[in-house]
Amino acid sequence: AGVNGSMQGLTWPECWTFGGLISATDPVSTLVLFAELRVEPHLFYLVFGESVMNDAVGLVLFENARDFIVDPHFTNQVLLQ
Protein backbone atom coordinates (compact mmCIF):
# COMPACT_ATOMS: atom_id res chain seq x y z
CA ALA A 1 0.00 0.00 0.00
CA GLY A 2 2.78 2.42 0.87
CA VAL A 3 4.67 1.77 -2.36
CA ASN A 4 2.03 3.40 -4.54
CA GLY A 5 1.43 6.23 -2.06
CA SER A 6 -2.02 5.18 -0.90
CA MET A 7 -0.93 5.26 2.75
CA GLN A 8 0.53 8.75 2.61
CA GLY A 9 -0.78 11.17 5.19
CA LEU A 10 -1.08 8.63 7.98
CA THR A 11 0.55 9.34 11.30
CA TRP A 12 3.00 6.89 12.85
CA PRO A 13 0.43 5.70 15.41
CA GLU A 14 -2.06 5.08 12.60
CA CYS A 15 0.55 3.03 10.76
CA TRP A 16 1.33 1.08 13.95
CA THR A 17 -2.37 0.44 14.53
CA PHE A 18 -2.75 -0.87 10.98
CA GLY A 19 0.38 -3.01 11.35
CA GLY A 20 -0.84 -4.46 14.64
CA LEU A 21 -4.20 -5.20 13.09
CA ILE A 22 -2.86 -7.09 10.08
CA SER A 23 0.05 -8.79 11.84
CA ALA A 24 -2.08 -11.25 13.79
CA THR A 25 -2.22 -14.49 11.82
CA ASP A 26 -4.71 -17.32 11.86
CA PRO A 27 -2.88 -20.67 12.13
CA VAL A 28 -6.03 -22.79 12.27
CA SER A 29 -5.62 -24.21 8.76
CA THR A 30 -1.96 -25.05 9.38
CA LEU A 31 -2.74 -26.73 12.70
CA VAL A 32 -5.62 -28.70 11.15
CA LEU A 33 -3.30 -29.88 8.38
CA PHE A 34 -0.71 -30.86 10.97
CA ALA A 35 -3.34 -32.87 12.85
CA GLU A 36 -4.44 -34.64 9.64
CA LEU A 37 -0.85 -35.44 8.70
CA ARG A 38 -0.06 -36.48 12.26
CA VAL A 39 3.13 -34.46 12.42
CA GLU A 40 5.28 -34.67 15.50
CA PRO A 41 3.60 -33.01 18.49
CA HIS A 42 6.71 -30.92 19.05
CA LEU A 43 6.30 -29.21 15.66
CA PHE A 44 2.58 -28.69 16.29
CA TYR A 45 3.27 -26.99 19.61
CA LEU A 46 6.07 -24.85 18.18
CA VAL A 47 3.76 -23.46 15.48
CA PHE A 48 0.93 -23.01 17.99
CA GLY A 49 3.21 -21.20 20.48
CA GLU A 50 4.66 -18.94 17.78
CA SER A 51 1.14 -18.06 16.68
CA VAL A 52 0.09 -17.18 20.21
CA MET A 53 3.13 -14.92 20.58
CA ASN A 54 2.42 -13.20 17.24
CA ASP A 55 -1.18 -12.57 18.26
CA ALA A 56 -0.12 -11.20 21.65
CA VAL A 57 2.44 -8.82 20.12
CA GLY A 58 -0.08 -7.68 17.51
CA LEU A 59 -2.68 -7.03 20.21
CA VAL A 60 -0.27 -5.04 22.38
CA LEU A 61 0.91 -3.02 19.38
CA PHE A 62 -2.66 -2.31 18.28
CA GLU A 63 -3.86 -1.30 21.76
CA ASN A 64 -0.89 0.98 22.46
CA ALA A 65 -1.03 2.64 19.06
CA ARG A 66 -4.77 3.17 19.47
CA ASP A 67 -4.14 4.88 22.80
CA PHE A 68 -1.75 7.28 21.07
CA ILE A 69 -4.36 8.07 18.42
CA VAL A 70 -7.07 8.99 20.92
CA ASP A 71 -4.67 11.16 22.98
CA PRO A 72 -5.09 14.70 21.59
CA HIS A 73 -1.67 15.78 22.94
CA PHE A 74 0.26 13.13 21.03
CA THR A 75 1.92 14.25 17.80
CA ASN A 76 4.58 12.90 15.46
CA GLN A 77 6.98 15.44 16.98
CA VAL A 78 6.51 13.91 20.43
CA LEU A 79 7.21 10.49 18.94
CA LEU A 80 10.47 11.60 17.33
CA GLN A 81 11.89 13.17 20.50
PDB file of N, CA and C in Angstrom:
ATOM      1  N   ALA A   1       0.826  -1.195   0.000  1.00  0.00           N
ATOM      2  CA  ALA A   1       0.000   0.000   0.000  1.00  0.00           C
ATOM      3  C   ALA A   1       0.866   1.253   0.000  1.00  0.00           C
ATOM      4  N   GLY A   2       1.937   1.238   0.795  1.00  0.00           N
ATOM      5  CA  GLY A   2       2.779   2.420   0.867  1.00  0.00           C
ATOM      6  C   GLY A   2       3.595   2.663  -0.384  1.00  0.00           C
ATOM      7  N   VAL A   3       3.840   1.641  -1.173  1.00  0.00           N
ATOM      8  CA  VAL A   3       4.671   1.774  -2.363  1.00  0.00           C
ATOM      9  C   VAL A   3       4.009   2.691  -3.382  1.00  0.00           C
ATOM     10  N   ASN A   4       2.712   2.567  -3.555  1.00  0.00           N
ATOM     11  CA  ASN A   4       2.034   3.399  -4.538  1.00  0.00           C
ATOM     12  C   ASN A   4       1.499   4.705  -3.939  1.00  0.00           C
ATOM     13  N   GLY A   5       1.792   4.957  -2.685  1.00  0.00           N
ATOM     14  CA  GLY A   5       1.428   6.228  -2.064  1.00  0.00           C
ATOM     15  C   GLY A   5       0.051   6.263  -1.444  1.00  0.00           C
ATOM     16  N   SER A   6      -0.662   5.151  -1.433  1.00  0.00           N
ATOM     17  CA  SER A   6      -2.021   5.182  -0.904  1.00  0.00           C
ATOM     18  C   SER A   6      -2.071   5.327   0.614  1.00  0.00           C
ATOM     19  N   MET A   7      -0.944   5.132   1.292  1.00  0.00           N
ATOM     20  CA  MET A   7      -0.927   5.264   2.751  1.00  0.00           C
ATOM     21  C   MET A   7      -0.336   6.597   3.189  1.00  0.00           C
ATOM     22  N   GLN A   8      -0.052   7.466   2.244  1.00  0.00           N
ATOM     23  CA  GLN A   8       0.526   8.755   2.608  1.00  0.00           C
ATOM     24  C   GLN A   8      -0.466   9.553   3.438  1.00  0.00           C
ATOM     25  N   GLY A   9       0.067  10.330   4.342  1.00  0.00           N
ATOM     26  CA  GLY A   9      -0.777  11.166   5.188  1.00  0.00           C
ATOM     27  C   GLY A   9      -1.157  10.527   6.502  1.00  0.00           C
ATOM     28  N   LEU A  10      -0.780   9.278   6.702  1.00  0.00           N
ATOM     29  CA  LEU A  10      -1.076   8.629   7.979  1.00  0.00           C
ATOM     30  C   LEU A  10       0.001   8.992   8.990  1.00  0.00           C
ATOM     31  N   THR A  11      -0.408   9.098  10.235  1.00  0.00           N
ATOM     32  CA  THR A  11       0.555   9.342  11.298  1.00  0.00           C
ATOM     33  C   THR A  11       1.223   8.019  11.661  1.00  0.00           C
ATOM     34  N   TRP A  12       2.332   8.119  12.397  1.00  0.00           N
ATOM     35  CA  TRP A  12       3.003   6.893  12.851  1.00  0.00           C
ATOM     36  C   TRP A  12       2.077   6.015  13.669  1.00  0.00           C
ATOM     37  N   PRO A  13       1.332   6.574  14.642  1.00  0.00           N
ATOM     38  CA  PRO A  13       0.427   5.703  15.413  1.00  0.00           C
ATOM     39  C   PRO A  13      -0.628   5.029  14.538  1.00  0.00           C
ATOM     40  N   GLU A  14      -1.099   5.707  13.505  1.00  0.00           N
ATOM     41  CA  GLU A  14      -2.059   5.080  12.601  1.00  0.00           C
ATOM     42  C   GLU A  14      -1.416   3.929  11.835  1.00  0.00           C
ATOM     43  N   CYS A  15      -0.176   4.118  11.425  1.00  0.00           N
ATOM     44  CA  CYS A  15       0.550   3.034  10.755  1.00  0.00           C
ATOM     45  C   CYS A  15       0.771   1.866  11.704  1.00  0.00           C
ATOM     46  N   TRP A  16       1.125   2.143  12.959  1.00  0.00           N
ATOM     47  CA  TRP A  16       1.330   1.081  13.947  1.00  0.00           C
ATOM     48  C   TRP A  16       0.026   0.328  14.209  1.00  0.00           C
ATOM     49  N   THR A  17      -1.077   1.076  14.295  1.00  0.00           N
ATOM     50  CA  THR A  17      -2.370   0.443  14.526  1.00  0.00           C
ATOM     51  C   THR A  17      -2.703  -0.498  13.383  1.00  0.00           C
ATOM     52  N   PHE A  18      -2.501  -0.028  12.155  1.00  0.00           N
ATOM     53  CA  PHE A  18      -2.753  -0.866  10.982  1.00  0.00           C
ATOM     54  C   PHE A  18      -1.842  -2.096  10.990  1.00  0.00           C
ATOM     55  N   GLY A  19      -0.562  -1.893  11.297  1.00  0.00           N
ATOM     56  CA  GLY A  19       0.381  -3.011  11.347  1.00  0.00           C
ATOM     57  C   GLY A  19       0.003  -4.033  12.412  1.00  0.00           C
ATOM     58  N   GLY A  20      -0.402  -3.550  13.585  1.00  0.00           N
ATOM     59  CA  GLY A  20      -0.838  -4.458  14.644  1.00  0.00           C
ATOM     60  C   GLY A  20      -2.083  -5.230  14.260  1.00  0.00           C
ATOM     61  N   LEU A  21      -2.959  -4.572  13.516  1.00  0.00           N
ATOM     62  CA  LEU A  21      -4.200  -5.205  13.093  1.00  0.00           C
ATOM     63  C   LEU A  21      -3.951  -6.320  12.083  1.00  0.00           C
ATOM     64  N   ILE A  22      -3.066  -6.082  11.117  1.00  0.00           N
ATOM     65  CA  ILE A  22      -2.859  -7.085  10.078  1.00  0.00           C
ATOM     66  C   ILE A  22      -1.777  -8.110  10.429  1.00  0.00           C
ATOM     67  N   SER A  23      -1.034  -7.877  11.515  1.00  0.00           N
ATOM     68  CA  SER A  23       0.054  -8.794  11.837  1.00  0.00           C
ATOM     69  C   SER A  23      -0.414 -10.076  12.509  1.00  0.00           C
ATOM     70  N   ALA A  24      -1.571 -10.049  13.131  1.00  0.00           N
ATOM     71  CA  ALA A  24      -2.080 -11.251  13.786  1.00  0.00           C
ATOM     72  C   ALA A  24      -2.472 -12.269  12.714  1.00  0.00           C
ATOM     73  N   THR A  25      -1.963 -13.466  12.829  1.00  0.00           N
ATOM     74  CA  THR A  25      -2.224 -14.489  11.821  1.00  0.00           C
ATOM     75  C   THR A  25      -3.145 -15.561  12.370  1.00  0.00           C
ATOM     76  N   ASP A  26      -3.788 -16.254  11.465  1.00  0.00           N
ATOM     77  CA  ASP A  26      -4.706 -17.323  11.857  1.00  0.00           C
ATOM     78  C   ASP A  26      -4.092 -18.666  11.472  1.00  0.00           C
ATOM     79  N   PRO A  27      -3.564 -19.409  12.450  1.00  0.00           N
ATOM     80  CA  PRO A  27      -2.880 -20.671  12.135  1.00  0.00           C
ATOM     81  C   PRO A  27      -3.805 -21.887  12.090  1.00  0.00           C
ATOM     82  N   VAL A  28      -5.117 -21.662  12.150  1.00  0.00           N
ATOM     83  CA  VAL A  28      -6.030 -22.795  12.267  1.00  0.00           C
ATOM     84  C   VAL A  28      -5.850 -23.779  11.116  1.00  0.00           C
ATOM     85  N   SER A  29      -5.752 -23.291   9.887  1.00  0.00           N
ATOM     86  CA  SER A  29      -5.619 -24.211   8.761  1.00  0.00           C
ATOM     87  C   SER A  29      -4.309 -25.003   8.837  1.00  0.00           C
ATOM     88  N   THR A  30      -3.242 -24.356   9.247  1.00  0.00           N
ATOM     89  CA  THR A  30      -1.962 -25.052   9.383  1.00  0.00           C
ATOM     90  C   THR A  30      -2.042 -26.116  10.469  1.00  0.00           C
ATOM     91  N   LEU A  31      -2.649 -25.768  11.599  1.00  0.00           N
ATOM     92  CA  LEU A  31      -2.742 -26.728  12.697  1.00  0.00           C
ATOM     93  C   LEU A  31      -3.664 -27.890  12.346  1.00  0.00           C
ATOM     94  N   VAL A  32      -4.741 -27.619  11.582  1.00  0.00           N
ATOM     95  CA  VAL A  32      -5.620 -28.701  11.147  1.00  0.00           C
ATOM     96  C   VAL A  32      -4.868 -29.642  10.206  1.00  0.00           C
ATOM     97  N   LEU A  33      -4.107 -29.068   9.290  1.00  0.00           N
ATOM     98  CA  LEU A  33      -3.302 -29.881   8.379  1.00  0.00           C
ATOM     99  C   LEU A  33      -2.285 -30.724   9.156  1.00  0.00           C
ATOM    100  N   PHE A  34      -1.653 -30.108  10.143  1.00  0.00           N
ATOM    101  CA  PHE A  34      -0.706 -30.857  10.973  1.00  0.00           C
ATOM    102  C   PHE A  34      -1.402 -32.028  11.666  1.00  0.00           C
ATOM    103  N   ALA A  35      -2.611 -31.795  12.164  1.00  0.00           N
ATOM    104  CA  ALA A  35      -3.343 -32.870  12.847  1.00  0.00           C
ATOM    105  C   ALA A  35      -3.683 -33.999  11.869  1.00  0.00           C
ATOM    106  N   GLU A  36      -4.100 -33.619  10.638  1.00  0.00           N
ATOM    107  CA  GLU A  36      -4.439 -34.641   9.644  1.00  0.00           C
ATOM    108  C   GLU A  36      -3.214 -35.442   9.214  1.00  0.00           C
ATOM    109  N   LEU A  37      -2.072 -34.773   9.109  1.00  0.00           N
ATOM    110  CA  LEU A  37      -0.846 -35.444   8.695  1.00  0.00           C
ATOM    111  C   LEU A  37      -0.137 -36.128   9.848  1.00  0.00           C
ATOM    112  N   ARG A  38      -0.630 -35.905  11.039  1.00  0.00           N
ATOM    113  CA  ARG A  38      -0.060 -36.481  12.258  1.00  0.00           C
ATOM    114  C   ARG A  38       1.433 -36.160  12.379  1.00  0.00           C
ATOM    115  N   VAL A  39       1.735 -34.869  12.262  1.00  0.00           N
ATOM    116  CA  VAL A  39       3.128 -34.456  12.422  1.00  0.00           C
ATOM    117  C   VAL A  39       3.519 -34.617  13.886  1.00  0.00           C
ATOM    118  N   GLU A  40       4.793 -34.533  14.130  1.00  0.00           N
ATOM    119  CA  GLU A  40       5.275 -34.674  15.502  1.00  0.00           C
ATOM    120  C   GLU A  40       4.638 -33.608  16.395  1.00  0.00           C
ATOM    121  N   PRO A  41       4.216 -33.982  17.584  1.00  0.00           N
ATOM    122  CA  PRO A  41       3.599 -33.008  18.487  1.00  0.00           C
ATOM    123  C   PRO A  41       4.492 -31.799  18.758  1.00  0.00           C
ATOM    124  N   HIS A  42       5.795 -32.018  18.786  1.00  0.00           N
ATOM    125  CA  HIS A  42       6.715 -30.916  19.055  1.00  0.00           C
ATOM    126  C   HIS A  42       6.566 -29.809  18.004  1.00  0.00           C
ATOM    127  N   LEU A  43       6.472 -30.193  16.732  1.00  0.00           N
ATOM    128  CA  LEU A  43       6.298 -29.211  15.657  1.00  0.00           C
ATOM    129  C   LEU A  43       4.953 -28.516  15.787  1.00  0.00           C
ATOM    130  N   PHE A  44       3.905 -29.268  16.089  1.00  0.00           N
ATOM    131  CA  PHE A  44       2.575 -28.693  16.290  1.00  0.00           C
ATOM    132  C   PHE A  44       2.613 -27.616  17.371  1.00  0.00           C
ATOM    133  N   TYR A  45       3.228 -27.923  18.501  1.00  0.00           N
ATOM    134  CA  TYR A  45       3.265 -26.987  19.613  1.00  0.00           C
ATOM    135  C   TYR A  45       4.176 -25.793  19.339  1.00  0.00           C
ATOM    136  N   LEU A  46       5.221 -25.991  18.563  1.00  0.00           N
ATOM    137  CA  LEU A  46       6.066 -24.853  18.182  1.00  0.00           C
ATOM    138  C   LEU A  46       5.283 -23.861  17.334  1.00  0.00           C
ATOM    139  N   VAL A  47       4.549 -24.351  16.340  1.00  0.00           N
ATOM    140  CA  VAL A  47       3.756 -23.462  15.485  1.00  0.00           C
ATOM    141  C   VAL A  47       2.647 -22.807  16.293  1.00  0.00           C
ATOM    142  N   PHE A  48       1.998 -23.571  17.154  1.00  0.00           N
ATOM    143  CA  PHE A  48       0.935 -23.006  17.987  1.00  0.00           C
ATOM    144  C   PHE A  48       1.484 -21.917  18.915  1.00  0.00           C
ATOM    145  N   GLY A  49       2.610 -22.189  19.565  1.00  0.00           N
ATOM    146  CA  GLY A  49       3.207 -21.204  20.478  1.00  0.00           C
ATOM    147  C   GLY A  49       3.653 -19.946  19.754  1.00  0.00           C
ATOM    148  N   GLU A  50       4.230 -20.102  18.565  1.00  0.00           N
ATOM    149  CA  GLU A  50       4.656 -18.936  17.785  1.00  0.00           C
ATOM    150  C   GLU A  50       3.447 -18.109  17.379  1.00  0.00           C
ATOM    151  N   SER A  51       2.360 -18.767  17.049  1.00  0.00           N
ATOM    152  CA  SER A  51       1.139 -18.062  16.677  1.00  0.00           C
ATOM    153  C   SER A  51       0.571 -17.262  17.854  1.00  0.00           C
ATOM    154  N   VAL A  52       0.583 -17.874  19.020  1.00  0.00           N
ATOM    155  CA  VAL A  52       0.086 -17.177  20.209  1.00  0.00           C
ATOM    156  C   VAL A  52       0.935 -15.935  20.502  1.00  0.00           C
ATOM    157  N   MET A  53       2.245 -16.072  20.359  1.00  0.00           N
ATOM    158  CA  MET A  53       3.127 -14.915  20.582  1.00  0.00           C
ATOM    159  C   MET A  53       2.869 -13.818  19.548  1.00  0.00           C
ATOM    160  N   ASN A  54       2.716 -14.191  18.277  1.00  0.00           N
ATOM    161  CA  ASN A  54       2.415 -13.200  17.244  1.00  0.00           C
ATOM    162  C   ASN A  54       1.123 -12.459  17.552  1.00  0.00           C
ATOM    163  N   ASP A  55       0.100 -13.197  17.942  1.00  0.00           N
ATOM    164  CA  ASP A  55      -1.180 -12.567  18.261  1.00  0.00           C
ATOM    165  C   ASP A  55      -1.048 -11.627  19.452  1.00  0.00           C
ATOM    166  N   ALA A  56      -0.297 -12.040  20.460  1.00  0.00           N
ATOM    167  CA  ALA A  56      -0.118 -11.201  21.647  1.00  0.00           C
ATOM    168  C   ALA A  56       0.626  -9.909  21.301  1.00  0.00           C
ATOM    169  N   VAL A  57       1.682 -10.018  20.513  1.00  0.00           N
ATOM    170  CA  VAL A  57       2.440  -8.825  20.120  1.00  0.00           C
ATOM    171  C   VAL A  57       1.567  -7.906  19.269  1.00  0.00           C
ATOM    172  N   GLY A  58       0.817  -8.475  18.340  1.00  0.00           N
ATOM    173  CA  GLY A  58      -0.084  -7.678  17.512  1.00  0.00           C
ATOM    174  C   GLY A  58      -1.135  -6.959  18.341  1.00  0.00           C
ATOM    175  N   LEU A  59      -1.676  -7.639  19.336  1.00  0.00           N
ATOM    176  CA  LEU A  59      -2.684  -7.029  20.207  1.00  0.00           C
ATOM    177  C   LEU A  59      -2.096  -5.882  21.018  1.00  0.00           C
ATOM    178  N   VAL A  60      -0.922  -6.092  21.599  1.00  0.00           N
ATOM    179  CA  VAL A  60      -0.272  -5.036  22.383  1.00  0.00           C
ATOM    180  C   VAL A  60       0.062  -3.839  21.497  1.00  0.00           C
ATOM    181  N   LEU A  61       0.595  -4.098  20.312  1.00  0.00           N
ATOM    182  CA  LEU A  61       0.914  -3.015  19.382  1.00  0.00           C
ATOM    183  C   LEU A  61      -0.342  -2.248  19.003  1.00  0.00           C
ATOM    184  N   PHE A  62      -1.408  -2.953  18.663  1.00  0.00           N
ATOM    185  CA  PHE A  62      -2.663  -2.310  18.284  1.00  0.00           C
ATOM    186  C   PHE A  62      -3.214  -1.459  19.418  1.00  0.00           C
ATOM    187  N   GLU A  63      -3.278  -2.028  20.614  1.00  0.00           N
ATOM    188  CA  GLU A  63      -3.856  -1.305  21.761  1.00  0.00           C
ATOM    189  C   GLU A  63      -3.041  -0.060  22.108  1.00  0.00           C
ATOM    190  N   ASN A  64      -1.718  -0.177  22.123  1.00  0.00           N
ATOM    191  CA  ASN A  64      -0.894   0.979  22.461  1.00  0.00           C
ATOM    192  C   ASN A  64      -0.963   2.053  21.395  1.00  0.00           C
ATOM    193  N   ALA A  65      -0.932   1.661  20.134  1.00  0.00           N
ATOM    194  CA  ALA A  65      -1.027   2.640  19.058  1.00  0.00           C
ATOM    195  C   ALA A  65      -2.388   3.323  19.079  1.00  0.00           C
ATOM    196  N   ARG A  66      -3.436   2.584  19.362  1.00  0.00           N
ATOM    197  CA  ARG A  66      -4.769   3.174  19.466  1.00  0.00           C
ATOM    198  C   ARG A  66      -4.828   4.215  20.580  1.00  0.00           C
ATOM    199  N   ASP A  67      -4.178   3.916  21.696  1.00  0.00           N
ATOM    200  CA  ASP A  67      -4.141   4.879  22.798  1.00  0.00           C
ATOM    201  C   ASP A  67      -3.473   6.179  22.366  1.00  0.00           C
ATOM    202  N   PHE A  68      -2.413   6.083  21.567  1.00  0.00           N
ATOM    203  CA  PHE A  68      -1.748   7.283  21.071  1.00  0.00           C
ATOM    204  C   PHE A  68      -2.666   8.079  20.150  1.00  0.00           C
ATOM    205  N   ILE A  69      -3.472   7.383  19.366  1.00  0.00           N
ATOM    206  CA  ILE A  69      -4.364   8.068  18.424  1.00  0.00           C
ATOM    207  C   ILE A  69      -5.432   8.856  19.158  1.00  0.00           C
ATOM    208  N   VAL A  70      -5.984   8.301  20.218  1.00  0.00           N
ATOM    209  CA  VAL A  70      -7.066   8.990  20.920  1.00  0.00           C
ATOM    210  C   VAL A  70      -6.558  10.065  21.874  1.00  0.00           C
ATOM    211  N   ASP A  71      -5.241  10.122  22.126  1.00  0.00           N
ATOM    212  CA  ASP A  71      -4.666  11.162  22.977  1.00  0.00           C
ATOM    213  C   ASP A  71      -4.453  12.425  22.142  1.00  0.00           C
ATOM    214  N   PRO A  72      -5.198  13.496  22.417  1.00  0.00           N
ATOM    215  CA  PRO A  72      -5.089  14.698  21.594  1.00  0.00           C
ATOM    216  C   PRO A  72      -3.739  15.406  21.723  1.00  0.00           C
ATOM    217  N   HIS A  73      -2.958  15.113  22.739  1.00  0.00           N
ATOM    218  CA  HIS A  73      -1.673  15.783  22.941  1.00  0.00           C
ATOM    219  C   HIS A  73      -0.522  15.058  22.247  1.00  0.00           C
ATOM    220  N   PHE A  74      -0.800  13.899  21.682  1.00  0.00           N
ATOM    221  CA  PHE A  74       0.255  13.126  21.029  1.00  0.00           C
ATOM    222  C   PHE A  74       0.414  13.588  19.587  1.00  0.00           C
ATOM    223  N   THR A  75       1.637  13.865  19.174  1.00  0.00           N
ATOM    224  CA  THR A  75       1.924  14.252  17.800  1.00  0.00           C
ATOM    225  C   THR A  75       3.135  13.480  17.294  1.00  0.00           C
ATOM    226  N   ASN A  76       3.386  13.551  16.010  1.00  0.00           N
ATOM    227  CA  ASN A  76       4.581  12.905  15.463  1.00  0.00           C
ATOM    228  C   ASN A  76       5.836  13.509  16.060  1.00  0.00           C
ATOM    229  N   GLN A  77       5.808  14.792  16.391  1.00  0.00           N
ATOM    230  CA  GLN A  77       6.982  15.438  16.977  1.00  0.00           C
ATOM    231  C   GLN A  77       7.300  14.846  18.349  1.00  0.00           C
ATOM    232  N   VAL A  78       6.299  14.548  19.131  1.00  0.00           N
ATOM    233  CA  VAL A  78       6.511  13.910  20.433  1.00  0.00           C
ATOM    234  C   VAL A  78       7.140  12.536  20.225  1.00  0.00           C
ATOM    235  N   LEU A  79       6.682  11.819  19.218  1.00  0.00           N
ATOM    236  CA  LEU A  79       7.211  10.487  18.943  1.00  0.00           C
ATOM    237  C   LEU A  79       8.689  10.536  18.583  1.00  0.00           C
ATOM    238  N   LEU A  80       9.094  11.523  17.825  1.00  0.00           N
ATOM    239  CA  LEU A  80      10.469  11.602  17.330  1.00  0.00           C
ATOM    240  C   LEU A  80      11.461  12.147  18.363  1.00  0.00           C
ATOM    241  N   GLN A  81      10.979  12.623  19.479  1.00  0.00           N
ATOM    242  CA  GLN A  81      11.890  13.171  20.498  1.00  0.00           C
ATOM    243  C   GLN A  81      12.599  12.077  21.256  1.00  0.00           C
TER     244      GLN A  81
END
